[in-house]
């Protein structure tokens, strides 16, 4: 509480955390915590291809645990959470 922003720069890796657990659910949990603490800005370090499912980069990265699909699901949920909150 009292922060003006949070930066989310986590992602799934071999060392731990699936794409669903980190890039989707983890991001959504961070967003919910930010909203609950009245943090107005959540900066998400993502992938340039996340909104381009037909791109070669998206297709390649998505081979690794469907990471791109989980990223966009999480990011879409965060946009919906922030648009329906009074935090912004």
PDB file of N, CA and C in Angstrom:
ATOM      1  N   UNK A   1       0.842  -1.174   0.000  1.00  0.00           N
ATOM      2  CA  UNK A   1       0.000   0.000   0.000  1.00  0.00           C
ATOM      3  C   UNK A   1       0.888   1.238   0.000  1.00  0.00           C
ATOM      4  N   UNK A   2       0.452   2.270  -0.677  1.00  0.00           N
ATOM      5  CA  UNK A   2       1.231   3.485  -0.781  1.00  0.00           C
ATOM      6  C   UNK A   2       2.102   3.551  -2.021  1.00  0.00           C
ATOM      7  N   UNK A   3       2.210   2.459  -2.732  1.00  0.00           N
ATOM      8  CA  UNK A   3       3.003   2.441  -3.966  1.00  0.00           C
ATOM      9  C   UNK A   3       2.210   3.045  -5.107  1.00  0.00           C
ATOM     10  N   UNK A   4       2.915   3.635  -6.049  1.00  0.00           N
ATOM     11  CA  UNK A   4       2.257   4.192  -7.226  1.00  0.00           C
ATOM     12  C   UNK A   4       2.252   3.212  -8.388  1.00  0.00           C
ATOM     13  N   UNK A   5       3.138   2.209  -8.345  1.00  0.00           N
ATOM     14  CA  UNK A   5       3.208   1.244  -9.438  1.00  0.00           C
ATOM     15  C   UNK A   5       3.896  -0.036  -8.985  1.00  0.00           C
ATOM     16  N   UNK A   6       3.602  -1.106  -9.717  1.00  0.00           N
ATOM     17  CA  UNK A   6       4.258  -2.400  -9.537  1.00  0.00           C
ATOM     18  C   UNK A   6       4.684  -2.860 -10.922  1.00  0.00           C
ATOM     19  N   UNK A   7       5.865  -3.457 -11.017  1.00  0.00           N
ATOM     20  CA  UNK A   7       6.350  -4.008 -12.283  1.00  0.00           C
ATOM     21  C   UNK A   7       6.325  -5.524 -12.179  1.00  0.00           C
ATOM     22  N   UNK A   8       5.615  -6.170 -13.113  1.00  0.00           N
ATOM     23  CA  UNK A   8       5.550  -7.632 -13.182  1.00  0.00           C
ATOM     24  C   UNK A   8       6.447  -8.073 -14.317  1.00  0.00           C
ATOM     25  N   UNK A   9       7.564  -8.732 -13.981  1.00  0.00           N
ATOM     26  CA  UNK A   9       8.523  -9.172 -14.996  1.00  0.00           C
ATOM     27  C   UNK A   9       8.861 -10.651 -14.823  1.00  0.00           C
ATOM     28  N   UNK A  10       7.899 -11.431 -14.398  1.00  0.00           N
ATOM     29  CA  UNK A  10       8.109 -12.870 -14.183  1.00  0.00           C
ATOM     30  C   UNK A  10       7.596 -13.648 -15.387  1.00  0.00           C
ATOM     31  N   UNK A  11       8.130 -14.843 -15.561  1.00  0.00           N
ATOM     32  CA  UNK A  11       7.652 -15.722 -16.622  1.00  0.00           C
ATOM     33  C   UNK A  11       8.004 -17.160 -16.275  1.00  0.00           C
ATOM     34  N   UNK A  12       7.314 -18.074 -16.894  1.00  0.00           N
ATOM     35  CA  UNK A  12       7.571 -19.498 -16.670  1.00  0.00           C
ATOM     36  C   UNK A  12       9.009 -19.833 -17.037  1.00  0.00           C
ATOM     37  N   UNK A  13       9.558 -20.845 -16.352  1.00  0.00           N
ATOM     38  CA  UNK A  13      10.915 -21.276 -16.665  1.00  0.00           C
ATOM     39  C   UNK A  13      11.103 -22.725 -16.251  1.00  0.00           C
ATOM     40  N   UNK A  14      12.199 -23.304 -16.679  1.00  0.00           N
ATOM     41  CA  UNK A  14      12.524 -24.679 -16.296  1.00  0.00           C
ATOM     42  C   UNK A  14      12.774 -24.785 -14.792  1.00  0.00           C
ATOM     43  N   UNK A  15      13.192 -23.686 -14.174  1.00  0.00           N
ATOM     44  CA  UNK A  15      13.509 -23.700 -12.753  1.00  0.00           C
ATOM     45  C   UNK A  15      12.260 -23.709 -11.872  1.00  0.00           C
ATOM     46  N   UNK A  16      11.100 -23.464 -12.458  1.00  0.00           N
ATOM     47  CA  UNK A  16       9.884 -23.515 -11.659  1.00  0.00           C
ATOM     48  C   UNK A  16       8.803 -22.622 -12.190  1.00  0.00           C
ATOM     49  N   UNK A  17       7.591 -23.108 -12.107  1.00  0.00           N
ATOM     50  CA  UNK A  17       6.457 -22.310 -12.521  1.00  0.00           C
ATOM     51  C   UNK A  17       6.065 -22.555 -13.957  1.00  0.00           C
ATOM     52  N   UNK A  18       4.875 -23.087 -14.148  1.00  0.00           N
ATOM     53  CA  UNK A  18       4.363 -23.300 -15.500  1.00  0.00           C
ATOM     54  C   UNK A  18       3.879 -21.978 -16.077  1.00  0.00           C
ATOM     55  N   UNK A  19       3.647 -21.959 -17.362  1.00  0.00           N
ATOM     56  CA  UNK A  19       3.112 -20.758 -18.009  1.00  0.00           C
ATOM     57  C   UNK A  19       1.762 -20.382 -17.397  1.00  0.00           C
ATOM     58  N   UNK A  20       0.925 -21.367 -17.148  1.00  0.00           N
ATOM     59  CA  UNK A  20      -0.386 -21.084 -16.544  1.00  0.00           C
ATOM     60  C   UNK A  20      -0.226 -20.505 -15.142  1.00  0.00           C
ATOM     61  N   UNK A  21       0.656 -21.095 -14.343  1.00  0.00           N
ATOM     62  CA  UNK A  21       0.837 -20.655 -12.960  1.00  0.00           C
ATOM     63  C   UNK A  21       1.477 -19.269 -12.851  1.00  0.00           C
ATOM     64  N   UNK A  22       2.410 -18.951 -13.739  1.00  0.00           N
ATOM     65  CA  UNK A  22       3.146 -17.688 -13.631  1.00  0.00           C
ATOM     66  C   UNK A  22       2.570 -16.608 -14.539  1.00  0.00           C
ATOM     67  N   UNK A  23       2.508 -16.882 -15.845  1.00  0.00           N
ATOM     68  CA  UNK A  23       2.139 -15.862 -16.830  1.00  0.00           C
ATOM     69  C   UNK A  23       0.654 -15.534 -16.837  1.00  0.00           C
ATOM     70  N   UNK A  24      -0.156 -16.428 -16.313  1.00  0.00           N
ATOM     71  CA  UNK A  24      -1.598 -16.188 -16.268  1.00  0.00           C
ATOM     72  C   UNK A  24      -2.024 -15.960 -14.818  1.00  0.00           C
ATOM     73  N   UNK A  25      -2.088 -17.035 -14.042  1.00  0.00           N
ATOM     74  CA  UNK A  25      -2.599 -16.937 -12.678  1.00  0.00           C
ATOM     75  C   UNK A  25      -1.745 -16.042 -11.787  1.00  0.00           C
ATOM     76  N   UNK A  26      -0.431 -16.126 -11.923  1.00  0.00           N
ATOM     77  CA  UNK A  26       0.454 -15.277 -11.120  1.00  0.00           C
ATOM     78  C   UNK A  26       0.234 -13.809 -11.417  1.00  0.00           C
ATOM     79  N   UNK A  27       0.146 -13.477 -12.689  1.00  0.00           N
ATOM     80  CA  UNK A  27      -0.103 -12.092 -13.086  1.00  0.00           C
ATOM     81  C   UNK A  27      -1.450 -11.606 -12.564  1.00  0.00           C
ATOM     82  N   UNK A  28      -2.473 -12.422 -12.695  1.00  0.00           N
ATOM     83  CA  UNK A  28      -3.807 -12.041 -12.225  1.00  0.00           C
ATOM     84  C   UNK A  28      -3.793 -11.834 -10.710  1.00  0.00           C
ATOM     85  N   UNK A  29      -3.098 -12.697  -9.982  1.00  0.00           N
ATOM     86  CA  UNK A  29      -3.006 -12.528  -8.528  1.00  0.00           C
ATOM     87  C   UNK A  29      -2.303 -11.233  -8.148  1.00  0.00           C
ATOM     88  N   UNK A  30      -1.241 -10.881  -8.874  1.00  0.00           N
ATOM     89  CA  UNK A  30      -0.544  -9.618  -8.621  1.00  0.00           C
ATOM     90  C   UNK A  30      -1.476  -8.444  -8.899  1.00  0.00           C
ATOM     91  N   UNK A  31      -2.221  -8.510  -9.989  1.00  0.00           N
ATOM     92  CA  UNK A  31      -3.159  -7.428 -10.325  1.00  0.00           C
ATOM     93  C   UNK A  31      -4.224  -7.273  -9.240  1.00  0.00           C
ATOM     94  N   UNK A  32      -4.772  -8.382  -8.772  1.00  0.00           N
ATOM     95  CA  UNK A  32      -5.786  -8.315  -7.711  1.00  0.00           C
ATOM     96  C   UNK A  32      -5.206  -7.701  -6.443  1.00  0.00           C
ATOM     97  N   UNK A  33      -3.970  -8.057  -6.113  1.00  0.00           N
ATOM     98  CA  UNK A  33      -3.314  -7.479  -4.938  1.00  0.00           C
ATOM     99  C   UNK A  33      -3.087  -5.979  -5.118  1.00  0.00           C
ATOM    100  N   UNK A  34      -2.705  -5.571  -6.320  1.00  0.00           N
ATOM    101  CA  UNK A  34      -2.509  -4.141  -6.607  1.00  0.00           C
ATOM    102  C   UNK A  34      -3.813  -3.377  -6.467  1.00  0.00           C
ATOM    103  N   UNK A  35      -4.873  -3.933  -6.996  1.00  0.00           N
ATOM    104  CA  UNK A  35      -6.178  -3.272  -6.910  1.00  0.00           C
ATOM    105  C   UNK A  35      -6.622  -3.170  -5.460  1.00  0.00           C
ATOM    106  N   UNK A  36      -6.456  -4.258  -4.706  1.00  0.00           N
ATOM    107  CA  UNK A  36      -6.845  -4.262  -3.293  1.00  0.00           C
ATOM    108  C   UNK A  36      -6.048  -3.239  -2.491  1.00  0.00           C
ATOM    109  N   UNK A  37      -4.791  -3.001  -2.884  1.00  0.00           N
ATOM    110  CA  UNK A  37      -3.930  -2.051  -2.181  1.00  0.00           C
ATOM    111  C   UNK A  37      -3.971  -0.653  -2.802  1.00  0.00           C
ATOM    112  N   UNK A  38      -4.880  -0.451  -3.745  1.00  0.00           N
ATOM    113  CA  UNK A  38      -5.038   0.848  -4.416  1.00  0.00           C
ATOM    114  C   UNK A  38      -3.777   1.311  -5.144  1.00  0.00           C
ATOM    115  N   UNK A  39      -3.065   0.364  -5.741  1.00  0.00           N
ATOM    116  CA  UNK A  39      -1.910   0.705  -6.568  1.00  0.00           C
ATOM    117  C   UNK A  39      -2.454   1.019  -7.965  1.00  0.00           C
ATOM    118  N   UNK A  40      -2.294   2.253  -8.443  1.00  0.00           N
ATOM    119  CA  UNK A  40      -2.943   2.650  -9.696  1.00  0.00           C
ATOM    120  C   UNK A  40      -2.337   2.088 -10.975  1.00  0.00           C
ATOM    121  N   UNK A  41      -1.068   1.674 -10.940  1.00  0.00           N
ATOM    122  CA  UNK A  41      -0.427   1.219 -12.178  1.00  0.00           C
ATOM    123  C   UNK A  41       0.258  -0.117 -11.981  1.00  0.00           C
ATOM    124  N   UNK A  42       0.005  -1.012 -12.920  1.00  0.00           N
ATOM    125  CA  UNK A  42       0.700  -2.294 -12.983  1.00  0.00           C
ATOM    126  C   UNK A  42       1.360  -2.363 -14.351  1.00  0.00           C
ATOM    127  N   UNK A  43       2.681  -2.380 -14.376  1.00  0.00           N
ATOM    128  CA  UNK A  43       3.444  -2.452 -15.617  1.00  0.00           C
ATOM    129  C   UNK A  43       3.786  -3.919 -15.858  1.00  0.00           C
ATOM    130  N   UNK A  44       3.398  -4.431 -17.016  1.00  0.00           N
ATOM    131  CA  UNK A  44       3.617  -5.834 -17.339  1.00  0.00           C
ATOM    132  C   UNK A  44       4.691  -5.946 -18.419  1.00  0.00           C
ATOM    133  N   UNK A  45       5.783  -6.623 -18.093  1.00  0.00           N
ATOM    134  CA  UNK A  45       6.817  -6.905 -19.084  1.00  0.00           C
ATOM    135  C   UNK A  45       6.373  -8.181 -19.792  1.00  0.00           C
ATOM    136  N   UNK A  46       6.025  -8.063 -21.051  1.00  0.00           N
ATOM    137  CA  UNK A  46       5.408  -9.158 -21.783  1.00  0.00           C
ATOM    138  C   UNK A  46       6.288  -9.566 -22.957  1.00  0.00           C
ATOM    139  N   UNK A  47       5.653  -9.925 -24.047  1.00  0.00           N
ATOM    140  CA  UNK A  47       6.334 -10.292 -25.290  1.00  0.00           C
ATOM    141  C   UNK A  47       5.713  -9.494 -26.428  1.00  0.00           C
ATOM    142  N   UNK A  48       6.541  -9.004 -27.312  1.00  0.00           N
ATOM    143  CA  UNK A  48       6.035  -8.210 -28.433  1.00  0.00           C
ATOM    144  C   UNK A  48       5.076  -8.962 -29.333  1.00  0.00           C
ATOM    145  N   UNK A  49       5.155 -10.265 -29.327  1.00  0.00           N
ATOM    146  CA  UNK A  49       4.315 -11.071 -30.217  1.00  0.00           C
ATOM    147  C   UNK A  49       3.043 -11.578 -29.545  1.00  0.00           C
ATOM    148  N   UNK A  50       2.816 -11.213 -28.285  1.00  0.00           N
ATOM    149  CA  UNK A  50       1.702 -11.801 -27.540  1.00  0.00           C
ATOM    150  C   UNK A  50       0.340 -11.524 -28.177  1.00  0.00           C
ATOM    151  N   UNK A  51       0.201 -10.439 -28.884  1.00  0.00           N
ATOM    152  CA  UNK A  51      -1.078 -10.113 -29.525  1.00  0.00           C
ATOM    153  C   UNK A  51      -1.096 -10.492 -31.009  1.00  0.00           C
ATOM    154  N   UNK A  52      -0.090 -11.239 -31.434  1.00  0.00           N
ATOM    155  CA  UNK A  52       0.020 -11.617 -32.852  1.00  0.00           C
ATOM    156  C   UNK A  52       0.133 -13.139 -32.981  1.00  0.00           C
ATOM    157  N   UNK A  53      -0.983 -13.857 -32.775  1.00  0.00           N
ATOM    158  CA  UNK A  53      -0.927 -15.319 -32.760  1.00  0.00           C
ATOM    159  C   UNK A  53      -0.502 -15.966 -34.072  1.00  0.00           C
ATOM    160  N   UNK A  54      -0.540 -15.244 -35.169  1.00  0.00           N
ATOM    161  CA  UNK A  54      -0.117 -15.810 -36.450  1.00  0.00           C
ATOM    162  C   UNK A  54       1.362 -15.583 -36.740  1.00  0.00           C
ATOM    163  N   UNK A  55       2.033 -14.851 -35.867  1.00  0.00           N
ATOM    164  CA  UNK A  55       3.443 -14.546 -36.121  1.00  0.00           C
ATOM    165  C   UNK A  55       4.328 -15.751 -35.803  1.00  0.00           C
ATOM    166  N   UNK A  56       5.456 -15.867 -36.490  1.00  0.00           N
ATOM    167  CA  UNK A  56       6.389 -16.970 -36.220  1.00  0.00           C
ATOM    168  C   UNK A  56       6.908 -16.964 -34.778  1.00  0.00           C
ATOM    169  N   UNK A  57       7.128 -15.784 -34.228  1.00  0.00           N
ATOM    170  CA  UNK A  57       7.625 -15.684 -32.850  1.00  0.00           C
ATOM    171  C   UNK A  57       6.601 -16.253 -31.875  1.00  0.00           C
ATOM    172  N   UNK A  58       5.345 -15.875 -32.023  1.00  0.00           N
ATOM    173  CA  UNK A  58       4.277 -16.395 -31.171  1.00  0.00           C
ATOM    174  C   UNK A  58       4.216 -17.913 -31.269  1.00  0.00           C
ATOM    175  N   UNK A  59       4.184 -18.406 -32.486  1.00  0.00           N
ATOM    176  CA  UNK A  59       4.067 -19.851 -32.702  1.00  0.00           C
ATOM    177  C   UNK A  59       5.254 -20.604 -32.093  1.00  0.00           C
ATOM    178  N   UNK A  60       6.447 -20.062 -32.251  1.00  0.00           N
ATOM    179  CA  UNK A  60       7.624 -20.707 -31.690  1.00  0.00           C
ATOM    180  C   UNK A  60       7.587 -20.705 -30.169  1.00  0.00           C
ATOM    181  N   UNK A  61       7.371 -19.542 -29.572  1.00  0.00           N
ATOM    182  CA  UNK A  61       7.365 -19.457 -28.110  1.00  0.00           C
ATOM    183  C   UNK A  61       6.222 -20.258 -27.497  1.00  0.00           C
ATOM    184  N   UNK A  62       5.124 -20.367 -28.206  1.00  0.00           N
ATOM    185  CA  UNK A  62       3.971 -21.091 -27.688  1.00  0.00           C
ATOM    186  C   UNK A  62       4.235 -22.601 -27.611  1.00  0.00           C
ATOM    187  N   UNK A  63       5.280 -23.062 -28.275  1.00  0.00           N
ATOM    188  CA  UNK A  63       5.656 -24.476 -28.179  1.00  0.00           C
ATOM    189  C   UNK A  63       6.078 -24.848 -26.760  1.00  0.00           C
ATOM    190  N   UNK A  64       6.493 -23.868 -25.987  1.00  0.00           N
ATOM    191  CA  UNK A  64       6.996 -24.091 -24.642  1.00  0.00           C
ATOM    192  C   UNK A  64       5.885 -23.903 -23.616  1.00  0.00           C
ATOM    193  N   UNK A  65       5.057 -24.910 -23.455  1.00  0.00           N
ATOM    194  CA  UNK A  65       3.996 -24.880 -22.445  1.00  0.00           C
ATOM    195  C   UNK A  65       2.874 -23.910 -22.732  1.00  0.00           C
ATOM    196  N   UNK A  66       2.690 -23.605 -24.019  1.00  0.00           N
ATOM    197  CA  UNK A  66       1.632 -22.659 -24.420  1.00  0.00           C
ATOM    198  C   UNK A  66       1.784 -21.313 -23.700  1.00  0.00           C
ATOM    199  N   UNK A  67       3.026 -20.880 -23.567  1.00  0.00           N
ATOM    200  CA  UNK A  67       3.323 -19.668 -22.817  1.00  0.00           C
ATOM    201  C   UNK A  67       2.628 -18.432 -23.380  1.00  0.00           C
ATOM    202  N   UNK A  68       2.560 -18.320 -24.691  1.00  0.00           N
ATOM    203  CA  UNK A  68       1.939 -17.131 -25.278  1.00  0.00           C
ATOM    204  C   UNK A  68       0.430 -17.120 -25.028  1.00  0.00           C
ATOM    205  N   UNK A  69      -0.203 -18.273 -25.119  1.00  0.00           N
ATOM    206  CA  UNK A  69      -1.640 -18.351 -24.827  1.00  0.00           C
ATOM    207  C   UNK A  69      -1.916 -17.955 -23.386  1.00  0.00           C
ATOM    208  N   UNK A  70      -1.077 -18.420 -22.471  1.00  0.00           N
ATOM    209  CA  UNK A  70      -1.275 -18.091 -21.059  1.00  0.00           C
ATOM    210  C   UNK A  70      -0.991 -16.620 -20.781  1.00  0.00           C
ATOM    211  N   UNK A  71       0.015 -16.053 -21.468  1.00  0.00           N
ATOM    212  CA  UNK A  71       0.308 -14.624 -21.298  1.00  0.00           C
ATOM    213  C   UNK A  71      -0.904 -13.776 -21.695  1.00  0.00           C
ATOM    214  N   UNK A  72      -1.475 -14.040 -22.851  1.00  0.00           N
ATOM    215  CA  UNK A  72      -2.579 -13.195 -23.310  1.00  0.00           C
ATOM    216  C   UNK A  72      -3.820 -13.400 -22.456  1.00  0.00           C
ATOM    217  N   UNK A  73      -4.058 -14.621 -21.978  1.00  0.00           N
ATOM    218  CA  UNK A  73      -5.190 -14.839 -21.074  1.00  0.00           C
ATOM    219  C   UNK A  73      -5.027 -14.011 -19.811  1.00  0.00           C
ATOM    220  N   UNK A  74      -3.834 -14.056 -19.231  1.00  0.00           N
ATOM    221  CA  UNK A  74      -3.574 -13.273 -18.024  1.00  0.00           C
ATOM    222  C   UNK A  74      -3.693 -11.782 -18.272  1.00  0.00           C
ATOM    223  N   UNK A  75      -3.124 -11.319 -19.376  1.00  0.00           N
ATOM    224  CA  UNK A  75      -3.162  -9.892 -19.682  1.00  0.00           C
ATOM    225  C   UNK A  75      -4.585  -9.412 -19.980  1.00  0.00           C
ATOM    226  N   UNK A  76      -5.368 -10.218 -20.659  1.00  0.00           N
ATOM    227  CA  UNK A  76      -6.764  -9.862 -20.907  1.00  0.00           C
ATOM    228  C   UNK A  76      -7.545  -9.771 -19.599  1.00  0.00           C
ATOM    229  N   UNK A  77      -7.289 -10.694 -18.691  1.00  0.00           N
ATOM    230  CA  UNK A  77      -7.964 -10.668 -17.393  1.00  0.00           C
ATOM    231  C   UNK A  77      -7.572  -9.420 -16.609  1.00  0.00           C
ATOM    232  N   UNK A  78      -6.298  -9.073 -16.643  1.00  0.00           N
ATOM    233  CA  UNK A  78      -5.833  -7.868 -15.939  1.00  0.00           C
ATOM    234  C   UNK A  78      -6.501  -6.618 -16.508  1.00  0.00           C
ATOM    235  N   UNK A  79      -6.586  -6.528 -17.826  1.00  0.00           N
ATOM    236  CA  UNK A  79      -7.264  -5.364 -18.431  1.00  0.00           C
ATOM    237  C   UNK A  79      -8.707  -5.274 -17.946  1.00  0.00           C
ATOM    238  N   UNK A  80      -9.389  -6.400 -17.884  1.00  0.00           N
ATOM    239  CA  UNK A  80     -10.779  -6.413 -17.420  1.00  0.00           C
ATOM    240  C   UNK A  80     -10.870  -6.022 -15.946  1.00  0.00           C
ATOM    241  N   UNK A  81      -9.965  -6.529 -15.128  1.00  0.00           N
ATOM    242  CA  UNK A  81      -9.973  -6.187 -13.709  1.00  0.00           C
ATOM    243  C   UNK A  81      -9.765  -4.689 -13.497  1.00  0.00           C
ATOM    244  N   UNK A  82      -8.774  -4.126 -14.174  1.00  0.00           N
ATOM    245  CA  UNK A  82      -8.491  -2.699 -14.002  1.00  0.00           C
ATOM    246  C   UNK A  82      -9.604  -1.821 -14.582  1.00  0.00           C
ATOM    247  N   UNK A  83     -10.219  -2.256 -15.677  1.00  0.00           N
ATOM    248  CA  UNK A  83     -11.270  -1.417 -16.265  1.00  0.00           C
ATOM    249  C   UNK A  83     -12.528  -1.396 -15.393  1.00  0.00           C
ATOM    250  N   UNK A  84     -12.709  -2.432 -14.561  1.00  0.00           N
ATOM    251  CA  UNK A  84     -13.895  -2.469 -13.700  1.00  0.00           C
ATOM    252  C   UNK A  84     -13.589  -2.008 -12.273  1.00  0.00           C
ATOM    253  N   UNK A  85     -12.357  -1.587 -12.025  1.00  0.00           N
ATOM    254  CA  UNK A  85     -11.992  -1.130 -10.673  1.00  0.00           C
ATOM    255  C   UNK A  85     -11.956   0.391 -10.621  1.00  0.00           C
ATOM    256  N   UNK A  86     -11.911   0.896  -9.418  1.00  0.00           N
ATOM    257  CA  UNK A  86     -11.815   2.352  -9.239  1.00  0.00           C
ATOM    258  C   UNK A  86     -10.367   2.772  -8.991  1.00  0.00           C
ATOM    259  N   UNK A  87      -9.427   1.852  -9.214  1.00  0.00           N
ATOM    260  CA  UNK A  87      -8.012   2.121  -8.940  1.00  0.00           C
ATOM    261  C   UNK A  87      -7.399   3.105  -9.923  1.00  0.00           C
ATOM    262  N   UNK A  88      -7.871   3.077 -11.184  1.00  0.00           N
ATOM    263  CA  UNK A  88      -7.226   3.909 -12.216  1.00  0.00           C
ATOM    264  C   UNK A  88      -7.631   5.318 -12.185  1.00  0.00           C
TER     265      UNK A  88
END
